[in-house]
């Protein structure tokens, strides 16, 4: 059975359900050293938080708050996942 290609609009449909829809995007891209608390508060409880985070990880988003995580937190998560994958591969 052949898979049906997913269109870009279907792939990004999660964005239409996001808590941040209609919120000033500048909130999610704070100046260096500025608080990320307000942006993360918008993300808290968002039903598509996981999809947002995975989108950022898959697309190498280097700036901003995505899925409730800062770039530093996403880097840490990528490292942890890479280490876990290497451990599984050598087991």
C-alpha atoms as a PDB file:
ATOM      1  CA  UNK A   1       0.000   0.000   0.000  1.00  0.00           C
ATOM      2  CA  UNK A   2       1.404   3.369  -1.008  1.00  0.00           C
ATOM      3  CA  UNK A   3       1.451   6.247   1.486  1.00  0.00           C
ATOM      4  CA  UNK A   4      -0.353   9.418   0.551  1.00  0.00           C
ATOM      5  CA  UNK A   5       2.024  12.386   0.493  1.00  0.00           C
ATOM      6  CA  UNK A   6       1.380  14.890   3.269  1.00  0.00           C
ATOM      7  CA  UNK A   7       0.986  18.430   2.032  1.00  0.00           C
ATOM      8  CA  UNK A   8       2.766  21.269   3.808  1.00  0.00           C
ATOM      9  CA  UNK A   9      -0.582  22.659   4.979  1.00  0.00           C
ATOM     10  CA  UNK A  10      -1.538  19.284   6.497  1.00  0.00           C
ATOM     11  CA  UNK A  11       1.903  18.885   8.042  1.00  0.00           C
ATOM     12  CA  UNK A  12       1.617  22.266   9.742  1.00  0.00           C
ATOM     13  CA  UNK A  13      -2.056  21.955  10.683  1.00  0.00           C
ATOM     14  CA  UNK A  14      -1.030  21.712  14.336  1.00  0.00           C
ATOM     15  CA  UNK A  15      -0.190  25.425  14.249  1.00  0.00           C
ATOM     16  CA  UNK A  16      -3.875  26.297  13.904  1.00  0.00           C
ATOM     17  CA  UNK A  17      -4.486  24.713  17.327  1.00  0.00           C
ATOM     18  CA  UNK A  18      -1.549  26.332  19.124  1.00  0.00           C
ATOM     19  CA  UNK A  19      -1.999  28.511  22.218  1.00  0.00           C
ATOM     20  CA  UNK A  20       0.340  31.055  20.641  1.00  0.00           C
ATOM     21  CA  UNK A  21      -1.889  31.638  17.618  1.00  0.00           C
ATOM     22  CA  UNK A  22      -2.472  35.388  17.513  1.00  0.00           C
ATOM     23  CA  UNK A  23       0.102  36.151  20.228  1.00  0.00           C
ATOM     24  CA  UNK A  24       2.841  38.682  19.385  1.00  0.00           C
ATOM     25  CA  UNK A  25       5.701  36.583  17.937  1.00  0.00           C
ATOM     26  CA  UNK A  26       8.256  38.873  19.618  1.00  0.00           C
ATOM     27  CA  UNK A  27       7.261  37.260  22.911  1.00  0.00           C
ATOM     28  CA  UNK A  28       8.794  33.984  21.677  1.00  0.00           C
ATOM     29  CA  UNK A  29      12.027  35.610  20.500  1.00  0.00           C
ATOM     30  CA  UNK A  30      13.234  37.555  23.556  1.00  0.00           C
ATOM     31  CA  UNK A  31      16.448  39.546  23.533  1.00  0.00           C
ATOM     32  CA  UNK A  32      19.509  37.700  24.789  1.00  0.00           C
ATOM     33  CA  UNK A  33      19.347  37.443  28.567  1.00  0.00           C
ATOM     34  CA  UNK A  34      15.670  38.470  28.723  1.00  0.00           C
ATOM     35  CA  UNK A  35      13.123  36.302  30.512  1.00  0.00           C
ATOM     36  CA  UNK A  36      11.451  33.460  28.632  1.00  0.00           C
ATOM     37  CA  UNK A  37       8.864  32.946  31.369  1.00  0.00           C
ATOM     38  CA  UNK A  38       5.920  34.609  29.596  1.00  0.00           C
ATOM     39  CA  UNK A  39       6.471  32.669  26.375  1.00  0.00           C
ATOM     40  CA  UNK A  40       6.802  29.391  28.259  1.00  0.00           C
ATOM     41  CA  UNK A  41       3.616  30.206  30.147  1.00  0.00           C
ATOM     42  CA  UNK A  42       1.750  30.464  26.817  1.00  0.00           C
ATOM     43  CA  UNK A  43       3.166  27.033  25.896  1.00  0.00           C
ATOM     44  CA  UNK A  44       2.159  25.425  29.181  1.00  0.00           C
ATOM     45  CA  UNK A  45      -0.895  23.271  28.609  1.00  0.00           C
ATOM     46  CA  UNK A  46      -0.855  23.766  24.828  1.00  0.00           C
ATOM     47  CA  UNK A  47      -2.326  20.691  23.146  1.00  0.00           C
ATOM     48  CA  UNK A  48       0.202  20.827  20.285  1.00  0.00           C
ATOM     49  CA  UNK A  49       3.280  21.548  22.374  1.00  0.00           C
ATOM     50  CA  UNK A  50       4.878  18.229  21.375  1.00  0.00           C
ATOM     51  CA  UNK A  51       4.326  18.842  17.665  1.00  0.00           C
ATOM     52  CA  UNK A  52       5.785  22.328  18.004  1.00  0.00           C
ATOM     53  CA  UNK A  53       8.886  21.008  19.755  1.00  0.00           C
ATOM     54  CA  UNK A  54       9.390  18.236  17.199  1.00  0.00           C
ATOM     55  CA  UNK A  55       9.004  20.761  14.365  1.00  0.00           C
ATOM     56  CA  UNK A  56      11.730  22.937  15.906  1.00  0.00           C
ATOM     57  CA  UNK A  57      14.045  19.966  16.423  1.00  0.00           C
ATOM     58  CA  UNK A  58      13.485  18.594  12.917  1.00  0.00           C
ATOM     59  CA  UNK A  59      14.059  21.993  11.322  1.00  0.00           C
ATOM     60  CA  UNK A  60      17.025  23.062  13.446  1.00  0.00           C
ATOM     61  CA  UNK A  61      15.342  26.159  14.832  1.00  0.00           C
ATOM     62  CA  UNK A  62      18.155  28.024  16.549  1.00  0.00           C
ATOM     63  CA  UNK A  63      16.220  30.902  18.053  1.00  0.00           C
ATOM     64  CA  UNK A  64      13.107  31.405  20.101  1.00  0.00           C
ATOM     65  CA  UNK A  65      10.852  29.362  22.315  1.00  0.00           C
ATOM     66  CA  UNK A  66       9.403  26.307  20.583  1.00  0.00           C
ATOM     67  CA  UNK A  67       7.347  23.666  22.351  1.00  0.00           C
ATOM     68  CA  UNK A  68       8.027  25.420  25.628  1.00  0.00           C
ATOM     69  CA  UNK A  69      11.814  25.054  25.359  1.00  0.00           C
ATOM     70  CA  UNK A  70      14.570  27.581  24.732  1.00  0.00           C
ATOM     71  CA  UNK A  71      17.364  26.906  22.251  1.00  0.00           C
ATOM     72  CA  UNK A  72      19.661  25.860  25.096  1.00  0.00           C
ATOM     73  CA  UNK A  73      17.058  23.382  26.337  1.00  0.00           C
ATOM     74  CA  UNK A  74      16.495  22.053  22.810  1.00  0.00           C
ATOM     75  CA  UNK A  75      20.269  21.586  22.339  1.00  0.00           C
ATOM     76  CA  UNK A  76      20.393  19.583  25.566  1.00  0.00           C
ATOM     77  CA  UNK A  77      17.450  17.452  24.398  1.00  0.00           C
ATOM     78  CA  UNK A  78      19.106  16.807  21.003  1.00  0.00           C
ATOM     79  CA  UNK A  79      22.300  15.702  22.796  1.00  0.00           C
ATOM     80  CA  UNK A  80      20.364  13.395  25.117  1.00  0.00           C
ATOM     81  CA  UNK A  81      18.514  11.838  22.194  1.00  0.00           C
ATOM     82  CA  UNK A  82      21.749  11.365  20.237  1.00  0.00           C
ATOM     83  CA  UNK A  83      23.405   9.686  23.224  1.00  0.00           C
ATOM     84  CA  UNK A  84      20.400   7.420  23.739  1.00  0.00           C
ATOM     85  CA  UNK A  85      20.456   6.457  20.052  1.00  0.00           C
ATOM     86  CA  UNK A  86      24.174   5.647  20.234  1.00  0.00           C
ATOM     87  CA  UNK A  87      23.626   3.509  23.348  1.00  0.00           C
ATOM     88  CA  UNK A  88      20.847   1.569  21.620  1.00  0.00           C
ATOM     89  CA  UNK A  89      23.013   1.142  18.520  1.00  0.00           C
ATOM     90  CA  UNK A  90      25.909  -0.317  20.499  1.00  0.00           C
ATOM     91  CA  UNK A  91      23.773  -2.603  22.673  1.00  0.00           C
END
